[in-house]
Amino acid sequence: MTVRVRFAPSPTGQPHIGNIRTVVFNWLFARQHHGKFILRIEDTDRRRYAPDAVKVIKDSLRWLGLDWDEGPDIGGPYGPYVQSQRVELYREKAEELIEKGWAYRCNCTPERLERVREEQRARVETPMYDGHCRNLPPDAISPDEPHVIRLKVPREGTTTVHDSLRGDIIFENRLIDDQVLLKSDGFPTYHLAVVVDDHTMGITHIMRGDDWISSTPKRVLLYQALGWKPPIYAHVPLVLGTDGKKLSKRHGAVSIADFRKQGYLPDALFNFLTLLGWSPGEGEEQEIFSREELLERFDITHVNLASAVFSYDKLDWMNGVYIRAMSREELLQQLIPFWQQAGMIPTPVPTEVLPTLETLVPLVQERLKTLRDVVLLTDFIFNDIETPPAASLIGKKMTAEESLAALRAVHAFLGRLVDFDAETMEPQMRQLATELGLKAGQLFNIVRVATSNKKVAPPLFGCLEALGRKTTLQRLARAREVLSDWVEEERDAR
């Protein structure tokens, strides 16, 4: 089977994650069938055109590992792959439709069109063009005067859309609008351009969101009018938030660039998006797949027709699984940009800082859900902390005096320790806890709060090693002073 699919974004902003999920389906389908995946830029909406959007789209696809076989940057046999460079072809086809009796010129003013729509709404009717110019003589409107070209939809009968996932969907022609094909500025509307491009570029399959179903009969009629065979359609369910509404910014990140900035790994996001509304088979419980496994097992017929729910909790879990599977060296290289963006380490990384970073990687690897989490987990290593309040320095089931004695003992112990590394510290600190009549957890929690001002942090002794002797002792001393003042105040109060 010959397979040619496309992603045809409009460069009006950053690509939405719901659309990218459908792109993933298209890419997998093309690669699985040894077909072609085409990138086409649909930039005929000049009013909303964003100059930087094309680069963002390409960068997002590349980051996610979605390569293309033909496109505006690499060319191909059916170029150009930018709609604004194909305008003459659309104009030619629009005129051809007029000659065939499938289209007509319309010079209705925007004011008249709005008045008609208001009247229709007042009658509780679906707003659509009333056909005012539909049956005018061919020469009634000059090609040289401002006008649009509309599709002349049959007023009787039905149009059938065959969907490979849903079967035949039948539409009554009387409810289909005489859509504009060519605007008064000479640029095509999306409906005309997409049909002409898909046919002339040999697109065989179109997978897209099911919110496009209602406009598909217009495409089918255009194919019929132009004497072309339509492609195979597959409309996949939309991606919703956990509240059951269409995924939007109110739910969190919605663009690939956002997910990248937040520290999600491309392979994890690719895995997650593939399983968003698709499953490898009934009863299948596996959720972590390599790209190769997904290429082998993807089957478009296994798409669930119920709307897919985007769960950030599940994505976080999946991303964490991928992070834990990375080598320490690979994870270090992935984390460095996030430390740099937070201003914790300079660019380039000084040689003397690398040992500290290497010490931190195994401490945080099991705790990271996203790469950006490393900033909050380790900020106390690179930045000075506010000395914790005395109340937070009192150990569990301990008095202030007992906690102060423990801080003094730890400060003295670490000050005379020869080798300031985690492997040396931990067993001796456990012994110190025993000598003080404390549980290890009681002592360690006091030290953790004193040196990080956090109740929860990566493993204590690795953090102390990363902080170094000087900083550790300084923070312990400050904490000791705060707690000492507290104890003195309590004594005076008594």
Protein backbone atom coordinates (compact mmCIF):
# COMPACT_ATOMS: atom_id res chain seq x y z
CA MET A 1 0.00 0.00 0.00
CA THR A 2 1.33 3.41 -0.99
CA VAL A 3 1.17 5.82 1.94
CA ARG A 4 1.66 9.58 1.80
CA VAL A 5 0.51 11.58 4.82
CA ARG A 6 1.09 15.19 5.79
CA PHE A 7 1.26 17.66 8.64
CA ALA A 8 0.04 21.01 7.35
CA PRO A 9 0.18 23.56 10.16
CA SER A 10 -0.87 27.17 9.91
CA PRO A 11 2.01 29.36 11.15
CA THR A 12 -0.12 31.45 13.48
CA GLY A 13 1.52 30.37 16.75
CA GLN A 14 3.07 27.43 18.53
CA PRO A 15 1.82 23.93 17.64
CA HIS A 16 -0.80 22.65 20.09
CA ILE A 17 -0.06 19.38 21.88
CA GLY A 18 -3.44 17.96 20.77
CA ASN A 19 -2.51 18.53 17.13
CA ILE A 20 0.93 17.05 17.70
CA ARG A 21 -0.67 13.86 19.05
CA THR A 22 -2.36 13.48 15.66
CA VAL A 23 0.95 14.23 13.94
CA VAL A 24 2.52 11.37 15.91
CA PHE A 25 -0.19 9.04 14.59
CA ASN A 26 0.49 10.20 11.02
CA TRP A 27 4.25 9.82 11.40
CA LEU A 28 3.98 6.31 12.87
CA PHE A 29 1.56 5.27 10.12
CA ALA A 30 3.88 6.56 7.39
CA ARG A 31 7.03 5.00 8.85
CA GLN A 32 5.29 1.69 9.52
CA HIS A 33 4.19 1.42 5.88
CA HIS A 34 7.51 2.72 4.48
CA GLY A 35 5.61 5.71 3.16
CA LYS A 36 6.27 9.45 3.10
CA PHE A 37 5.61 12.03 5.80
CA ILE A 38 5.26 15.52 4.31
CA LEU A 39 5.50 18.90 6.02
CA ARG A 40 3.44 21.61 4.32
CA ILE A 41 3.03 25.17 5.57
CA GLU A 42 -0.48 26.56 5.15
CA ASP A 43 0.15 30.29 5.41
CA THR A 44 -2.77 31.75 3.47
CA ASP A 45 -4.22 33.32 6.62
CA ARG A 46 -2.05 36.41 6.26
CA ARG A 47 -3.87 38.34 9.00
CA ARG A 48 -2.82 35.89 11.71
CA TYR A 49 0.52 34.92 10.17
CA ALA A 50 3.38 34.88 12.74
CA PRO A 51 6.83 35.21 11.11
CA ASP A 52 8.67 33.08 13.69
CA ALA A 53 6.06 30.32 13.83
CA VAL A 54 7.53 28.19 11.01
CA LYS A 55 10.85 27.87 12.83
CA VAL A 56 9.06 26.98 16.07
CA ILE A 57 7.06 24.30 14.26
CA LYS A 58 10.15 22.75 12.69
CA ASP A 59 12.14 22.89 15.92
CA SER A 60 9.29 21.24 17.83
CA LEU A 61 9.00 18.38 15.35
CA ARG A 62 12.75 17.80 15.27
CA TRP A 63 12.98 17.81 19.07
CA LEU A 64 10.23 15.18 19.25
CA GLY A 65 12.05 13.08 16.64
CA LEU A 66 9.46 13.55 13.90
CA ASP A 67 11.43 13.89 10.68
CA TRP A 68 9.84 14.61 7.31
CA ASP A 69 10.62 13.35 3.81
CA GLU A 70 9.41 16.39 1.86
CA GLY A 71 8.93 19.95 2.97
CA PRO A 72 9.77 23.63 2.52
CA ASP A 73 13.33 23.24 3.76
CA ILE A 74 14.26 20.03 1.94
CA GLY A 75 12.07 20.22 -1.16
CA GLY A 76 10.54 17.29 -2.95
CA PRO A 77 8.82 16.35 -6.21
CA TYR A 78 5.55 18.15 -5.42
CA GLY A 79 6.76 21.55 -4.21
CA PRO A 80 6.60 24.27 -3.37
CA TYR A 81 5.45 23.20 0.10
CA VAL A 82 4.30 26.65 1.22
CA GLN A 83 0.76 27.66 0.25
CA SER A 84 1.52 31.33 -0.36
CA GLN A 85 3.86 30.18 -3.13
CA ARG A 86 1.07 28.20 -4.83
CA VAL A 87 -1.60 30.92 -5.12
CA GLU A 88 -1.80 30.87 -8.92
CA LEU A 89 -2.68 27.18 -8.84
CA TYR A 90 -5.59 27.82 -6.48
CA ARG A 91 -6.88 30.69 -8.62
CA GLU A 92 -6.71 28.48 -11.68
CA LYS A 93 -8.74 25.75 -9.96
CA ALA A 94 -11.31 28.26 -8.68
CA GLU A 95 -11.89 29.52 -12.23
CA GLU A 96 -12.12 25.93 -13.44
CA LEU A 97 -14.89 25.29 -10.91
CA ILE A 98 -16.82 28.30 -12.21
CA GLU A 99 -16.55 26.96 -15.76
CA LYS A 100 -17.85 23.58 -14.61
CA GLY A 101 -20.81 25.16 -12.83
CA TRP A 102 -19.52 24.15 -9.39
CA ALA A 103 -18.70 27.69 -8.22
CA TYR A 104 -19.86 31.26 -8.68
CA ARG A 105 -18.75 34.82 -8.05
CA CYS A 106 -20.23 36.70 -5.10
CA ASN A 107 -19.94 40.43 -4.42
CA CYS A 108 -22.10 40.62 -1.30
CA THR A 109 -20.74 43.18 1.14
CA PRO A 110 -19.71 42.24 4.68
CA GLU A 111 -22.57 44.40 5.95
CA ARG A 112 -25.15 42.47 3.93
CA LEU A 113 -23.72 39.12 5.02
CA GLU A 114 -23.86 40.13 8.68
CA ARG A 115 -27.45 41.36 8.28
CA VAL A 116 -28.44 38.02 6.74
CA ARG A 117 -26.78 36.11 9.58
CA GLU A 118 -28.55 38.23 12.20
CA GLU A 119 -31.90 37.55 10.57
CA GLN A 120 -31.18 33.82 10.47
CA ARG A 121 -30.17 33.79 14.13
CA ALA A 122 -33.38 35.65 14.96
CA ARG A 123 -35.31 32.82 13.27
CA VAL A 124 -33.21 30.29 15.21
CA GLU A 125 -31.63 29.05 11.98
CA THR A 126 -28.03 27.99 11.37
CA PRO A 127 -26.23 31.06 9.93
CA MET A 128 -25.11 30.37 6.35
CA TYR A 129 -24.95 32.14 2.99
CA ASP A 130 -28.43 32.72 1.56
CA GLY A 131 -27.46 32.18 -2.10
CA HIS A 132 -28.09 35.78 -3.16
CA CYS A 133 -25.49 35.61 -5.98
CA ARG A 134 -25.83 31.89 -6.63
CA ASN A 135 -28.01 32.05 -9.75
CA LEU A 136 -26.92 35.34 -11.27
CA PRO A 137 -25.92 35.28 -14.97
CA PRO A 138 -22.24 34.35 -15.45
CA ASP A 139 -21.36 37.89 -16.56
CA ALA A 140 -23.33 39.67 -13.82
CA ILE A 141 -20.22 40.10 -11.68
CA SER A 142 -17.00 41.12 -13.43
CA PRO A 143 -13.79 39.27 -12.58
CA ASP A 144 -12.21 42.71 -12.21
CA GLU A 145 -14.47 43.97 -9.43
CA PRO A 146 -14.04 42.99 -5.75
CA HIS A 147 -15.67 39.62 -5.15
CA VAL A 148 -15.19 36.15 -3.72
CA ILE A 149 -15.71 32.77 -5.36
CA ARG A 150 -18.07 30.34 -3.60
CA LEU A 151 -18.66 26.62 -3.96
CA LYS A 152 -22.07 25.87 -5.46
CA VAL A 153 -23.23 23.10 -3.14
CA PRO A 154 -26.13 20.98 -4.49
CA ARG A 155 -29.32 21.87 -2.68
CA GLU A 156 -30.75 18.36 -2.82
CA GLY A 157 -29.49 14.93 -1.90
CA THR A 158 -26.72 13.92 0.48
CA THR A 159 -22.96 13.75 0.60
CA THR A 160 -21.29 10.71 2.17
CA VAL A 161 -17.98 10.85 3.97
CA HIS A 162 -16.36 7.47 4.46
CA ASP A 163 -14.25 7.39 7.59
CA SER A 164 -11.99 4.37 8.07
CA LEU A 165 -12.65 4.42 11.84
CA ARG A 166 -16.35 5.33 11.85
CA GLY A 167 -17.76 4.05 8.57
CA ASP A 168 -20.05 6.17 6.39
CA ILE A 169 -21.18 9.56 7.70
CA ILE A 170 -24.03 11.09 5.71
CA PHE A 171 -24.71 14.83 5.43
CA GLU A 172 -27.74 16.56 3.92
CA ASN A 173 -26.58 18.94 1.21
CA ARG A 174 -29.17 21.60 2.12
CA LEU A 175 -27.34 22.07 5.43
CA ILE A 176 -23.93 22.57 3.80
CA ASP A 177 -22.93 26.20 3.28
CA ASP A 178 -21.78 27.64 -0.05
CA GLN A 179 -18.33 28.18 1.39
CA VAL A 180 -15.90 30.79 0.09
CA LEU A 181 -13.13 29.20 -1.97
CA LEU A 182 -11.21 32.29 -3.09
CA LYS A 183 -11.20 35.49 -1.03
CA SER A 184 -11.44 38.98 -2.48
CA ASP A 185 -7.67 39.46 -2.02
CA GLY A 186 -7.03 36.55 -4.38
CA PHE A 187 -5.89 34.19 -1.63
CA PRO A 188 -7.65 30.84 -1.23
CA THR A 189 -9.52 29.78 1.84
CA TYR A 190 -8.31 26.74 3.69
CA HIS A 191 -10.95 24.50 2.11
CA LEU A 192 -9.86 25.05 -1.48
CA ALA A 193 -6.12 25.13 -0.81
CA VAL A 194 -6.05 21.96 1.27
CA VAL A 195 -7.96 19.94 -1.34
CA VAL A 196 -5.78 21.17 -4.22
CA ASP A 197 -2.59 20.56 -2.25
CA ASP A 198 -3.56 17.13 -0.96
CA HIS A 199 -4.45 15.97 -4.47
CA THR A 200 -1.46 17.46 -6.30
CA MET A 201 0.91 16.17 -3.61
CA GLY A 202 -0.52 12.67 -3.79
CA ILE A 203 -1.73 12.51 -0.18
CA THR A 204 -3.32 9.11 0.35
CA HIS A 205 -4.48 9.24 3.98
CA ILE A 206 -5.66 12.09 6.17
CA MET A 207 -5.70 11.56 9.93
CA ARG A 208 -6.96 14.52 11.91
CA GLY A 209 -9.12 15.50 14.87
CA ASP A 210 -12.80 14.67 14.81
CA ASP A 211 -13.65 18.36 15.13
CA TRP A 212 -13.00 18.47 11.36
CA ILE A 213 -15.74 15.95 10.54
CA SER A 214 -18.39 18.62 9.94
CA SER A 215 -16.26 20.33 7.27
CA THR A 216 -15.29 17.12 5.47
CA PRO A 217 -18.35 16.97 3.16
CA LYS A 218 -17.21 20.30 1.70
CA ARG A 219 -13.89 18.64 0.84
CA VAL A 220 -15.63 15.61 -0.64
CA LEU A 221 -17.77 17.88 -2.83
CA LEU A 222 -14.66 19.73 -4.00
CA TYR A 223 -12.98 16.45 -4.95
CA GLN A 224 -16.13 15.49 -6.83
CA ALA A 225 -16.30 18.87 -8.57
CA LEU A 226 -12.67 18.67 -9.68
CA GLY A 227 -12.99 15.06 -10.82
CA TRP A 228 -10.51 13.74 -8.26
CA LYS A 229 -10.57 10.72 -5.96
CA PRO A 230 -10.60 11.75 -2.28
CA PRO A 231 -8.01 10.38 0.17
CA ILE A 232 -8.82 7.94 2.96
CA TYR A 233 -10.07 9.79 6.06
CA ALA A 234 -9.60 8.83 9.70
CA HIS A 235 -10.91 11.27 12.28
CA VAL A 236 -9.45 10.67 15.73
CA PRO A 237 -11.01 11.94 18.96
CA LEU A 238 -9.97 15.25 20.45
CA VAL A 239 -7.66 15.53 23.43
CA LEU A 240 -9.45 16.79 26.54
CA GLY A 241 -8.34 17.99 29.94
CA THR A 242 -9.23 16.04 33.07
CA ASP A 243 -12.31 18.29 33.43
CA GLY A 244 -13.70 16.93 30.16
CA LYS A 245 -13.15 20.19 28.27
CA LYS A 246 -10.96 20.74 25.23
CA LEU A 247 -7.33 20.94 26.26
CA SER A 248 -6.19 24.54 26.65
CA LYS A 249 -3.75 26.71 28.59
CA ARG A 250 -5.96 26.60 31.66
CA HIS A 251 -4.97 22.94 32.02
CA GLY A 252 -1.22 23.65 31.87
CA ALA A 253 1.34 23.47 29.07
CA VAL A 254 -0.17 23.07 25.61
CA SER A 255 2.72 23.60 23.18
CA ILE A 256 5.76 21.45 22.51
CA ALA A 257 8.00 24.38 23.44
CA ASP A 258 6.28 24.57 26.85
CA PHE A 259 6.84 20.88 27.55
CA ARG A 260 10.46 21.16 26.50
CA LYS A 261 11.03 24.15 28.81
CA GLN A 262 9.42 22.28 31.69
CA GLY A 263 11.91 19.45 31.36
CA TYR A 264 10.03 16.65 29.64
CA LEU A 265 12.09 14.23 27.57
CA PRO A 266 11.16 13.87 23.90
CA ASP A 267 11.02 10.07 24.02
CA ALA A 268 8.76 10.15 27.09
CA LEU A 269 6.43 12.69 25.49
CA PHE A 270 6.37 10.69 22.25
CA ASN A 271 5.49 7.51 24.17
CA PHE A 272 2.78 9.35 26.13
CA LEU A 273 1.22 10.97 23.05
CA THR A 274 1.07 7.66 21.19
CA LEU A 275 -0.92 6.11 24.04
CA LEU A 276 -3.25 9.12 24.19
CA GLY A 277 -6.33 7.53 22.69
CA TRP A 278 -4.55 4.51 21.23
CA SER A 279 -3.72 1.13 22.75
CA PRO A 280 -1.71 -1.78 21.37
CA GLY A 281 -4.51 -4.24 22.06
CA GLU A 282 -7.24 -5.30 24.46
CA GLY A 283 -5.86 -6.36 27.82
CA GLU A 284 -2.40 -4.99 27.04
CA GLU A 285 -0.93 -3.44 30.19
CA GLN A 286 2.49 -2.36 28.91
CA GLU A 287 2.84 1.42 28.90
CA ILE A 288 6.54 2.07 28.35
CA PHE A 289 7.50 1.46 24.72
CA SER A 290 10.60 2.21 22.75
CA ARG A 291 10.10 4.08 19.50
CA GLU A 292 10.95 0.90 17.62
CA GLU A 293 8.26 -1.04 19.48
CA LEU A 294 5.68 1.61 18.70
CA LEU A 295 6.64 1.59 15.03
CA GLU A 296 6.14 -2.15 14.97
CA ARG A 297 2.88 -2.28 16.90
CA PHE A 298 1.00 0.87 15.92
CA ASP A 299 -2.35 0.16 14.28
CA ILE A 300 -4.70 3.04 13.51
CA THR A 301 -7.72 0.73 13.93
CA HIS A 302 -6.90 0.49 17.65
CA VAL A 303 -7.68 4.17 18.19
CA ASN A 304 -10.37 4.57 20.84
CA LEU A 305 -13.26 6.65 19.53
CA ALA A 306 -13.86 8.12 22.99
CA SER A 307 -12.09 11.41 23.65
CA ALA A 308 -8.60 11.04 25.06
CA VAL A 309 -7.87 12.63 28.45
CA PHE A 310 -4.52 14.35 28.91
CA SER A 311 -3.27 13.42 32.39
CA TYR A 312 -0.27 15.45 33.51
CA ASP A 313 0.13 13.07 36.47
CA LYS A 314 0.60 10.15 34.09
CA LEU A 315 2.99 12.13 31.90
CA ASP A 316 5.02 13.06 34.99
CA TRP A 317 5.17 9.41 36.00
CA MET A 318 6.21 8.31 32.53
CA ASN A 319 8.83 11.06 32.24
CA GLY A 320 10.26 9.96 35.59
CA VAL A 321 10.58 6.40 34.30
CA TYR A 322 12.59 7.65 31.32
CA ILE A 323 14.79 9.83 33.55
CA ARG A 324 15.61 6.90 35.81
CA ALA A 325 16.56 4.80 32.79
CA MET A 326 19.20 7.33 31.67
CA SER A 327 22.90 6.93 32.38
CA ARG A 328 24.31 9.40 34.89
CA GLU A 329 26.47 10.98 32.22
CA GLU A 330 23.51 11.47 29.89
CA LEU A 331 21.32 12.86 32.66
CA LEU A 332 24.04 15.29 33.72
CA GLN A 333 24.17 16.77 30.21
CA GLN A 334 20.38 17.10 30.20
CA LEU A 335 20.31 18.82 33.62
CA ILE A 336 23.10 21.35 33.03
CA PRO A 337 20.94 23.70 30.87
CA PHE A 338 18.30 23.90 33.62
CA TRP A 339 20.89 24.80 36.25
CA GLN A 340 22.26 27.40 33.87
CA GLN A 341 18.86 28.90 33.02
CA ALA A 342 18.19 29.26 36.75
CA GLY A 343 21.47 31.14 37.16
CA MET A 344 22.93 28.48 39.45
CA ILE A 345 25.98 27.73 37.35
CA PRO A 346 27.71 29.77 34.63
CA THR A 347 28.02 29.04 30.94
CA PRO A 348 30.28 27.30 30.07
CA VAL A 349 30.47 25.08 33.14
CA PRO A 350 33.73 25.70 35.05
CA THR A 351 35.87 22.62 35.47
CA GLU A 352 35.86 22.95 39.25
CA VAL A 353 32.03 22.83 39.35
CA LEU A 354 31.72 19.52 37.51
CA PRO A 355 32.52 17.29 40.53
CA THR A 356 29.67 18.92 42.46
CA LEU A 357 27.25 18.33 39.57
CA GLU A 358 28.41 14.73 39.23
CA THR A 359 27.79 14.23 42.94
CA LEU A 360 24.25 15.58 42.66
CA VAL A 361 23.07 13.52 39.69
CA PRO A 362 22.60 10.18 41.51
CA LEU A 363 21.04 12.02 44.46
CA VAL A 364 18.24 13.53 42.36
CA GLN A 365 17.74 10.91 39.64
CA GLU A 366 15.19 8.87 41.60
CA ARG A 367 13.27 11.99 42.62
CA LEU A 368 12.90 13.82 39.32
CA LYS A 369 9.61 13.87 37.45
CA THR A 370 10.86 16.51 35.05
CA LEU A 371 14.34 17.82 34.38
CA ARG A 372 13.35 21.25 35.68
CA ASP A 373 12.57 19.74 39.09
CA VAL A 374 16.32 19.70 39.70
CA VAL A 375 16.24 23.47 40.25
CA LEU A 376 14.03 23.34 43.34
CA LEU A 377 15.65 20.15 44.58
CA THR A 378 19.18 21.57 44.54
CA ASP A 379 18.84 25.36 44.75
CA PHE A 380 20.26 25.33 48.30
CA ILE A 381 23.48 23.81 46.97
CA PHE A 382 24.26 26.75 44.69
CA ASN A 383 22.50 29.60 46.48
CA ASP A 384 22.75 30.77 50.05
CA ILE A 385 19.75 29.98 52.20
CA GLU A 386 17.82 31.91 54.76
CA THR A 387 18.69 30.49 58.17
CA PRO A 388 15.72 28.37 59.27
CA PRO A 389 13.57 29.59 62.17
CA ALA A 390 14.34 28.00 65.51
CA ALA A 391 11.05 26.10 65.68
CA SER A 392 11.91 24.12 62.53
CA LEU A 393 15.29 23.12 63.99
CA ILE A 394 13.78 21.23 66.91
CA GLY A 395 13.90 17.51 66.25
CA LYS A 396 10.94 15.17 66.45
CA LYS A 397 10.12 14.29 70.08
CA MET A 398 13.07 16.43 71.18
CA THR A 399 13.37 19.56 73.26
CA ALA A 400 15.06 22.74 72.05
CA GLU A 401 17.98 22.04 74.42
CA GLU A 402 18.42 18.51 73.06
CA SER A 403 18.29 19.78 69.48
CA LEU A 404 20.84 22.49 70.26
CA ALA A 405 23.17 19.92 71.83
CA ALA A 406 22.83 17.76 68.71
CA LEU A 407 23.69 20.69 66.41
CA ARG A 408 26.76 21.48 68.47
CA ALA A 409 27.88 17.86 68.38
CA VAL A 410 27.42 17.60 64.61
CA HIS A 411 29.27 20.88 64.02
CA ALA A 412 32.21 19.69 66.10
CA PHE A 413 32.20 16.25 64.48
CA LEU A 414 32.15 17.51 60.89
CA GLY A 415 34.75 20.15 61.69
CA ARG A 416 37.31 17.51 62.62
CA LEU A 417 36.33 14.94 59.97
CA VAL A 418 39.28 14.22 57.70
CA ASP A 419 37.49 13.00 54.58
CA PHE A 420 34.39 15.11 53.86
CA ASP A 421 32.49 12.67 51.66
CA ALA A 422 29.18 10.86 51.97
CA GLU A 423 30.69 7.41 52.32
CA THR A 424 32.76 8.53 55.31
CA MET A 425 30.11 10.72 56.94
CA GLU A 426 27.09 8.45 57.05
CA PRO A 427 28.31 5.57 59.25
CA GLN A 428 30.04 7.92 61.67
CA MET A 429 26.99 10.18 61.91
CA ARG A 430 24.87 7.16 62.70
CA GLN A 431 27.28 6.31 65.47
CA LEU A 432 27.09 9.88 66.73
CA ALA A 433 23.30 9.63 66.89
CA THR A 434 23.61 6.53 69.04
CA GLU A 435 26.05 8.28 71.38
CA LEU A 436 23.60 11.18 71.72
CA GLY A 437 20.75 8.78 72.54
CA LEU A 438 18.89 9.70 69.35
CA LYS A 439 17.48 7.83 66.42
CA ALA A 440 19.41 8.46 63.21
CA GLY A 441 16.36 10.07 61.62
CA GLN A 442 16.01 12.57 64.45
CA LEU A 443 19.59 13.76 64.07
CA PHE A 444 19.62 13.70 60.27
CA ASN A 445 16.42 15.77 60.00
CA ILE A 446 17.87 18.53 62.16
CA VAL A 447 21.01 18.64 60.01
CA ARG A 448 18.95 18.58 56.79
CA VAL A 449 16.85 21.57 57.82
CA ALA A 450 19.88 23.46 59.12
CA THR A 451 21.86 23.06 55.90
CA SER A 452 19.06 23.27 53.30
CA ASN A 453 16.09 24.99 54.98
CA LYS A 454 13.99 22.20 53.48
CA LYS A 455 12.02 19.45 55.16
CA VAL A 456 12.48 17.26 52.10
CA ALA A 457 15.70 17.20 50.10
CA PRO A 458 17.93 14.69 48.27
CA PRO A 459 19.94 12.25 50.42
CA LEU A 460 21.61 14.18 53.23
CA PHE A 461 25.20 13.07 53.04
CA GLY A 462 25.55 13.48 49.31
CA CYS A 463 24.17 17.01 49.73
CA LEU A 464 26.68 17.78 52.48
CA GLU A 465 29.47 16.53 50.23
CA ALA A 466 28.20 18.74 47.41
CA LEU A 467 27.94 21.74 49.76
CA GLY A 468 31.49 21.18 50.99
CA ARG A 469 32.90 21.47 54.50
CA LYS A 470 33.10 25.28 54.68
CA THR A 471 29.50 26.00 53.64
CA THR A 472 28.12 23.13 55.72
CA LEU A 473 29.86 24.35 58.87
CA GLN A 474 28.78 27.94 58.25
CA ARG A 475 25.11 26.94 57.93
CA LEU A 476 25.28 24.69 60.98
CA ALA A 477 26.82 27.52 62.97
CA ARG A 478 24.07 29.95 61.93
CA ALA A 479 21.40 27.43 62.81
CA ARG A 480 23.06 26.79 66.15
CA GLU A 481 23.06 30.49 66.95
CA VAL A 482 19.36 30.86 66.09
CA LEU A 483 18.42 27.88 68.23
CA SER A 484 20.70 29.06 71.05
CA ASP A 485 18.92 32.41 71.15
CA TRP A 486 15.58 30.57 71.26
CA VAL A 487 16.73 28.46 74.21
CA GLU A 488 17.99 31.53 76.07
CA GLU A 489 14.68 33.32 75.51
CA GLU A 490 12.79 30.27 76.82
CA ARG A 491 14.97 30.16 79.91
CA ASP A 492 14.49 33.87 80.58
CA ALA A 493 10.76 33.44 80.16
CA ARG A 494 10.77 30.73 82.81
